[in-house]
Amino acid sequence: MISFLITFQRMVRAIIRGLKEPEFQVLLTLTFFTLLSGTIFYSTVENLRVLDALYFSVTTLSTVGYGDFSPQTDFGKVFTIIYIFVGVGMIVAFVSKIFEYVQLNKVESKNKMKTRQKDR
C-alpha cells in the first residue's frame, strides 16, 4: 500500500509539473475531449449509462478491453474502430508525457540530494 501511495504521489507531482507545459496541456485537453466524446457517443447510441460509457471509453483506449461491454449497433462498431485508431495514439502520448515528468522529478531529486551531500 505504501508503494502505491508513493507512486501515486509521484504521478500527481508529474501532472502538476506538466500543467505548466503547453504540450502537456494540449495532450490533456485532447485526452479529456476524446474520453468525453466516447462517453457521449456510447451513452446515446449504445444506450449505456454514463458511468458505463466512460468505463468502456477508458478500457477501450487503454487497450485493456475486458469484454464486458461491446458495441451492439453497426454505427457503434464503426465509431469504435475509428475511436481506437485515433485515441490509442493520443493516450500513449499523454501517458508517455506523464512518465517523462515522473522521471524528470526523480532525476532532479537525486541531483538535489547529491548537491546537499557535497555541501556538507
N, C-alpha and C. Protein backbone atom coordinates (compact mmCIF):
# COMPACT_ATOMS: atom_id res chain seq x y z
N MET A 1 0.82 -1.19 0.00
CA MET A 1 0.00 0.00 0.00
C MET A 1 0.86 1.26 0.00
N ILE A 2 1.95 1.22 0.73
CA ILE A 2 2.83 2.38 0.80
C ILE A 2 3.45 2.67 -0.56
N SER A 3 3.87 1.62 -1.26
CA SER A 3 4.48 1.85 -2.58
C SER A 3 3.45 2.43 -3.54
N PHE A 4 2.18 2.01 -3.43
CA PHE A 4 1.14 2.59 -4.27
C PHE A 4 0.99 4.07 -4.00
N LEU A 5 0.98 4.44 -2.72
CA LEU A 5 0.83 5.85 -2.36
C LEU A 5 2.01 6.69 -2.84
N ILE A 6 3.20 6.14 -2.75
CA ILE A 6 4.39 6.85 -3.24
C ILE A 6 4.31 7.03 -4.75
N THR A 7 3.92 5.98 -5.44
CA THR A 7 3.79 6.05 -6.90
C THR A 7 2.70 7.05 -7.29
N PHE A 8 1.60 7.01 -6.57
CA PHE A 8 0.50 7.94 -6.84
C PHE A 8 0.95 9.38 -6.61
N GLN A 9 1.71 9.61 -5.54
CA GLN A 9 2.23 10.94 -5.25
C GLN A 9 3.15 11.41 -6.37
N ARG A 10 4.01 10.53 -6.86
CA ARG A 10 4.90 10.89 -7.98
C ARG A 10 4.10 11.25 -9.22
N MET A 11 3.05 10.48 -9.48
CA MET A 11 2.24 10.76 -10.65
C MET A 11 1.53 12.11 -10.54
N VAL A 12 1.01 12.40 -9.36
CA VAL A 12 0.33 13.68 -9.15
C VAL A 12 1.32 14.84 -9.32
N ARG A 13 2.52 14.69 -8.77
CA ARG A 13 3.55 15.73 -8.95
C ARG A 13 3.90 15.92 -10.43
N ALA A 14 3.98 14.81 -11.15
CA ALA A 14 4.30 14.89 -12.58
C ALA A 14 3.19 15.61 -13.35
N ILE A 15 1.95 15.34 -13.00
CA ILE A 15 0.83 16.01 -13.67
C ILE A 15 0.85 17.50 -13.34
N ILE A 16 1.10 17.83 -12.09
CA ILE A 16 1.17 19.25 -11.70
C ILE A 16 2.29 19.95 -12.47
N ARG A 17 3.41 19.28 -12.58
CA ARG A 17 4.53 19.84 -13.35
C ARG A 17 4.15 19.99 -14.82
N GLY A 18 3.47 18.99 -15.34
CA GLY A 18 3.07 19.01 -16.74
C GLY A 18 2.08 20.10 -17.07
N LEU A 19 1.25 20.48 -16.10
CA LEU A 19 0.26 21.52 -16.36
C LEU A 19 0.89 22.86 -16.73
N LYS A 20 2.17 23.01 -16.45
CA LYS A 20 2.87 24.25 -16.79
C LYS A 20 3.40 24.23 -18.22
N GLU A 21 3.38 23.07 -18.85
CA GLU A 21 3.93 22.91 -20.20
C GLU A 21 2.81 22.91 -21.25
N PRO A 22 2.94 23.71 -22.31
CA PRO A 22 1.90 23.79 -23.34
C PRO A 22 1.61 22.44 -24.02
N GLU A 23 2.64 21.67 -24.30
CA GLU A 23 2.43 20.38 -24.97
C GLU A 23 1.59 19.44 -24.09
N PHE A 24 1.88 19.43 -22.81
CA PHE A 24 1.12 18.60 -21.88
C PHE A 24 -0.33 19.08 -21.79
N GLN A 25 -0.52 20.39 -21.77
CA GLN A 25 -1.86 20.96 -21.70
C GLN A 25 -2.69 20.53 -22.90
N VAL A 26 -2.07 20.55 -24.07
CA VAL A 26 -2.77 20.12 -25.29
C VAL A 26 -3.13 18.65 -25.21
N LEU A 27 -2.18 17.82 -24.80
CA LEU A 27 -2.46 16.38 -24.68
C LEU A 27 -3.55 16.10 -23.65
N LEU A 28 -3.52 16.81 -22.53
CA LEU A 28 -4.54 16.63 -21.51
C LEU A 28 -5.91 17.03 -22.05
N THR A 29 -5.98 18.14 -22.75
CA THR A 29 -7.24 18.60 -23.32
C THR A 29 -7.76 17.62 -24.36
N LEU A 30 -6.89 17.17 -25.25
CA LEU A 30 -7.31 16.21 -26.27
C LEU A 30 -7.76 14.90 -25.65
N THR A 31 -7.06 14.44 -24.63
CA THR A 31 -7.45 13.21 -23.93
C THR A 31 -8.82 13.38 -23.29
N PHE A 32 -9.01 14.51 -22.62
CA PHE A 32 -10.30 14.78 -21.98
C PHE A 32 -11.43 14.77 -23.00
N PHE A 33 -11.25 15.49 -24.11
CA PHE A 33 -12.32 15.56 -25.10
C PHE A 33 -12.53 14.24 -25.84
N THR A 34 -11.48 13.46 -25.99
CA THR A 34 -11.65 12.15 -26.60
C THR A 34 -12.48 11.25 -25.69
N LEU A 35 -12.16 11.24 -24.40
CA LEU A 35 -12.95 10.44 -23.47
C LEU A 35 -14.38 10.96 -23.36
N LEU A 36 -14.53 12.27 -23.37
CA LEU A 36 -15.86 12.87 -23.32
C LEU A 36 -16.69 12.49 -24.54
N SER A 37 -16.08 12.58 -25.72
CA SER A 37 -16.82 12.24 -26.94
C SER A 37 -17.22 10.77 -26.95
N GLY A 38 -16.32 9.90 -26.52
CA GLY A 38 -16.66 8.48 -26.44
C GLY A 38 -17.78 8.23 -25.45
N THR A 39 -17.72 8.90 -24.31
CA THR A 39 -18.74 8.74 -23.29
C THR A 39 -20.10 9.20 -23.81
N ILE A 40 -20.13 10.35 -24.45
CA ILE A 40 -21.39 10.86 -25.01
C ILE A 40 -21.91 9.91 -26.08
N PHE A 41 -21.02 9.47 -26.97
CA PHE A 41 -21.45 8.58 -28.05
C PHE A 41 -22.03 7.28 -27.50
N TYR A 42 -21.29 6.61 -26.64
CA TYR A 42 -21.74 5.31 -26.15
C TYR A 42 -22.98 5.42 -25.27
N SER A 43 -23.13 6.53 -24.57
CA SER A 43 -24.33 6.67 -23.74
C SER A 43 -25.56 6.95 -24.59
N THR A 44 -25.39 7.64 -25.71
CA THR A 44 -26.55 7.95 -26.54
C THR A 44 -26.83 6.87 -27.59
N VAL A 45 -25.82 6.45 -28.31
CA VAL A 45 -26.03 5.48 -29.40
C VAL A 45 -26.17 4.05 -28.88
N GLU A 46 -25.34 3.68 -27.92
CA GLU A 46 -25.36 2.31 -27.41
C GLU A 46 -26.22 2.18 -26.15
N ASN A 47 -26.83 3.27 -25.73
CA ASN A 47 -27.73 3.29 -24.56
C ASN A 47 -27.08 2.75 -23.29
N LEU A 48 -25.81 3.09 -23.09
CA LEU A 48 -25.13 2.74 -21.85
C LEU A 48 -25.33 3.86 -20.83
N ARG A 49 -25.30 3.51 -19.55
CA ARG A 49 -25.31 4.56 -18.52
C ARG A 49 -24.03 5.38 -18.70
N VAL A 50 -24.02 6.61 -18.25
CA VAL A 50 -22.88 7.49 -18.44
C VAL A 50 -21.61 6.89 -17.83
N LEU A 51 -21.72 6.35 -16.64
CA LEU A 51 -20.55 5.74 -16.00
C LEU A 51 -20.05 4.53 -16.79
N ASP A 52 -20.98 3.72 -17.28
CA ASP A 52 -20.59 2.57 -18.10
C ASP A 52 -19.95 3.02 -19.41
N ALA A 53 -20.47 4.09 -19.99
CA ALA A 53 -19.91 4.62 -21.23
C ALA A 53 -18.49 5.16 -21.02
N LEU A 54 -18.28 5.86 -19.90
CA LEU A 54 -16.94 6.34 -19.58
C LEU A 54 -16.00 5.17 -19.34
N TYR A 55 -16.46 4.19 -18.59
CA TYR A 55 -15.68 2.98 -18.31
C TYR A 55 -15.29 2.29 -19.62
N PHE A 56 -16.25 2.14 -20.53
CA PHE A 56 -15.97 1.50 -21.81
C PHE A 56 -14.97 2.32 -22.62
N SER A 57 -15.10 3.63 -22.61
CA SER A 57 -14.16 4.50 -23.32
C SER A 57 -12.75 4.35 -22.79
N VAL A 58 -12.61 4.35 -21.48
CA VAL A 58 -11.28 4.22 -20.85
C VAL A 58 -10.68 2.85 -21.13
N THR A 59 -11.46 1.79 -20.95
CA THR A 59 -10.91 0.45 -21.19
C THR A 59 -10.57 0.23 -22.65
N THR A 60 -11.32 0.85 -23.54
CA THR A 60 -11.03 0.72 -24.98
C THR A 60 -9.75 1.45 -25.33
N LEU A 61 -9.61 2.69 -24.90
CA LEU A 61 -8.43 3.47 -25.27
C LEU A 61 -7.17 3.04 -24.53
N SER A 62 -7.34 2.43 -23.38
CA SER A 62 -6.17 1.93 -22.67
C SER A 62 -5.78 0.54 -23.15
N THR A 63 -6.52 0.03 -24.08
CA THR A 63 -6.35 -1.30 -24.70
C THR A 63 -6.50 -2.44 -23.70
N VAL A 64 -7.15 -2.18 -22.57
CA VAL A 64 -7.42 -3.25 -21.61
C VAL A 64 -8.53 -4.14 -22.15
N GLY A 65 -9.64 -3.53 -22.53
CA GLY A 65 -10.74 -4.24 -23.16
C GLY A 65 -11.18 -5.50 -22.44
N TYR A 66 -11.83 -5.36 -21.30
CA TYR A 66 -12.26 -6.51 -20.52
C TYR A 66 -13.29 -7.38 -21.25
N GLY A 67 -14.03 -6.79 -22.16
CA GLY A 67 -15.02 -7.55 -22.90
C GLY A 67 -16.39 -7.59 -22.26
N ASP A 68 -16.56 -6.87 -21.15
CA ASP A 68 -17.86 -6.86 -20.50
C ASP A 68 -18.87 -5.98 -21.24
N PHE A 69 -18.38 -5.02 -22.01
CA PHE A 69 -19.23 -4.20 -22.88
C PHE A 69 -18.68 -4.30 -24.29
N SER A 70 -19.56 -4.19 -25.25
CA SER A 70 -19.14 -4.12 -26.64
C SER A 70 -20.24 -3.41 -27.42
N PRO A 71 -19.86 -2.74 -28.51
CA PRO A 71 -20.88 -2.04 -29.30
C PRO A 71 -21.87 -3.05 -29.90
N GLN A 72 -23.15 -2.70 -29.85
CA GLN A 72 -24.20 -3.58 -30.37
C GLN A 72 -24.71 -3.14 -31.74
N THR A 73 -24.53 -1.87 -32.07
CA THR A 73 -25.01 -1.37 -33.36
C THR A 73 -23.86 -1.31 -34.36
N ASP A 74 -24.19 -1.34 -35.63
CA ASP A 74 -23.16 -1.23 -36.66
C ASP A 74 -22.47 0.13 -36.58
N PHE A 75 -23.26 1.17 -36.34
CA PHE A 75 -22.69 2.51 -36.21
C PHE A 75 -21.73 2.57 -35.03
N GLY A 76 -22.09 1.92 -33.93
CA GLY A 76 -21.22 1.86 -32.76
C GLY A 76 -19.92 1.13 -33.06
N LYS A 77 -20.01 0.07 -33.84
CA LYS A 77 -18.80 -0.69 -34.20
C LYS A 77 -17.87 0.13 -35.09
N VAL A 78 -18.44 0.85 -36.05
CA VAL A 78 -17.62 1.70 -36.93
C VAL A 78 -16.98 2.82 -36.13
N PHE A 79 -17.77 3.45 -35.25
CA PHE A 79 -17.24 4.51 -34.39
C PHE A 79 -16.09 3.98 -33.54
N THR A 80 -16.26 2.80 -32.97
CA THR A 80 -15.24 2.22 -32.10
C THR A 80 -13.95 1.96 -32.85
N ILE A 81 -14.04 1.50 -34.08
CA ILE A 81 -12.84 1.27 -34.89
C ILE A 81 -12.07 2.58 -35.06
N ILE A 82 -12.77 3.63 -35.44
CA ILE A 82 -12.13 4.94 -35.64
C ILE A 82 -11.64 5.49 -34.30
N TYR A 83 -12.44 5.32 -33.27
CA TYR A 83 -12.11 5.80 -31.92
C TYR A 83 -10.81 5.17 -31.43
N ILE A 84 -10.64 3.89 -31.68
CA ILE A 84 -9.42 3.20 -31.25
C ILE A 84 -8.21 3.73 -32.01
N PHE A 85 -8.30 3.85 -33.32
CA PHE A 85 -7.16 4.32 -34.10
C PHE A 85 -6.75 5.74 -33.73
N VAL A 86 -7.72 6.59 -33.48
CA VAL A 86 -7.40 7.98 -33.12
C VAL A 86 -6.97 8.08 -31.66
N GLY A 87 -7.69 7.41 -30.79
CA GLY A 87 -7.49 7.60 -29.36
C GLY A 87 -6.30 6.91 -28.75
N VAL A 88 -5.96 5.72 -29.22
CA VAL A 88 -4.87 4.97 -28.59
C VAL A 88 -3.55 5.74 -28.70
N GLY A 89 -3.26 6.28 -29.85
CA GLY A 89 -2.02 7.05 -30.02
C GLY A 89 -1.98 8.26 -29.10
N MET A 90 -3.12 8.90 -28.96
CA MET A 90 -3.18 10.08 -28.10
C MET A 90 -2.98 9.69 -26.63
N ILE A 91 -3.60 8.62 -26.21
CA ILE A 91 -3.46 8.16 -24.83
C ILE A 91 -2.01 7.76 -24.55
N VAL A 92 -1.40 7.08 -25.52
CA VAL A 92 0.01 6.68 -25.35
C VAL A 92 0.90 7.92 -25.21
N ALA A 93 0.65 8.93 -26.04
CA ALA A 93 1.43 10.17 -25.95
C ALA A 93 1.23 10.84 -24.60
N PHE A 94 0.00 10.88 -24.12
CA PHE A 94 -0.31 11.51 -22.83
C PHE A 94 0.37 10.77 -21.68
N VAL A 95 0.25 9.46 -21.65
CA VAL A 95 0.85 8.67 -20.58
C VAL A 95 2.38 8.75 -20.65
N SER A 96 2.93 8.77 -21.86
CA SER A 96 4.38 8.91 -22.02
C SER A 96 4.87 10.23 -21.45
N LYS A 97 4.08 11.27 -21.67
CA LYS A 97 4.45 12.59 -21.14
C LYS A 97 4.43 12.58 -19.62
N ILE A 98 3.44 11.94 -19.02
CA ILE A 98 3.41 11.84 -17.56
C ILE A 98 4.63 11.08 -17.07
N PHE A 99 4.95 9.96 -17.73
CA PHE A 99 6.12 9.17 -17.34
C PHE A 99 7.40 10.00 -17.47
N GLU A 100 7.47 10.82 -18.51
CA GLU A 100 8.65 11.67 -18.71
C GLU A 100 8.81 12.63 -17.52
N TYR A 101 7.71 13.23 -17.07
CA TYR A 101 7.78 14.15 -15.94
C TYR A 101 8.10 13.43 -14.63
N VAL A 102 7.61 12.19 -14.48
CA VAL A 102 7.95 11.40 -13.30
C VAL A 102 9.46 11.18 -13.27
N GLN A 103 10.03 10.82 -14.42
CA GLN A 103 11.47 10.58 -14.50
C GLN A 103 12.26 11.85 -14.24
N LEU A 104 11.80 12.98 -14.79
CA LEU A 104 12.48 14.25 -14.54
C LEU A 104 12.48 14.59 -13.06
N ASN A 105 11.35 14.35 -12.40
CA ASN A 105 11.28 14.62 -10.96
C ASN A 105 12.26 13.74 -10.19
N LYS A 106 12.39 12.47 -10.58
CA LYS A 106 13.33 11.57 -9.92
C LYS A 106 14.76 12.05 -10.10
N VAL A 107 15.11 12.43 -11.33
CA VAL A 107 16.47 12.90 -11.62
C VAL A 107 16.77 14.17 -10.83
N GLU A 108 15.82 15.09 -10.80
CA GLU A 108 16.04 16.33 -10.05
C GLU A 108 16.18 16.06 -8.55
N SER A 109 15.41 15.12 -8.02
CA SER A 109 15.53 14.77 -6.60
C SER A 109 16.90 14.20 -6.30
N LYS A 110 17.39 13.33 -7.17
CA LYS A 110 18.71 12.75 -6.97
C LYS A 110 19.79 13.82 -7.05
N ASN A 111 19.65 14.74 -7.99
CA ASN A 111 20.63 15.82 -8.12
C ASN A 111 20.62 16.72 -6.88
N LYS A 112 19.45 16.98 -6.32
CA LYS A 112 19.37 17.80 -5.11
C LYS A 112 20.04 17.10 -3.95
N MET A 113 19.84 15.77 -3.85
CA MET A 113 20.48 15.02 -2.76
C MET A 113 21.99 15.03 -2.91
N LYS A 114 22.49 14.91 -4.13
CA LYS A 114 23.93 14.94 -4.36
C LYS A 114 24.49 16.30 -4.00
N THR A 115 23.77 17.35 -4.36
CA THR A 115 24.21 18.70 -4.05
C THR A 115 24.25 18.92 -2.54
N ARG A 116 23.26 18.43 -1.83
CA ARG A 116 23.22 18.57 -0.37
C ARG A 116 24.38 17.83 0.29
N GLN A 117 24.68 16.64 -0.25
CA GLN A 117 25.76 15.85 0.31
C GLN A 117 27.12 16.53 0.06
N LYS A 118 27.29 17.17 -1.07
CA LYS A 118 28.52 17.89 -1.37
C LYS A 118 28.70 19.10 -0.46
N ASP A 119 27.57 19.75 -0.16
CA ASP A 119 27.62 20.94 0.68
C ASP A 119 27.97 20.63 2.13
N ARG A 120 27.81 19.42 2.57
CA ARG A 120 28.09 19.06 3.96
C ARG A 120 29.53 18.92 4.16
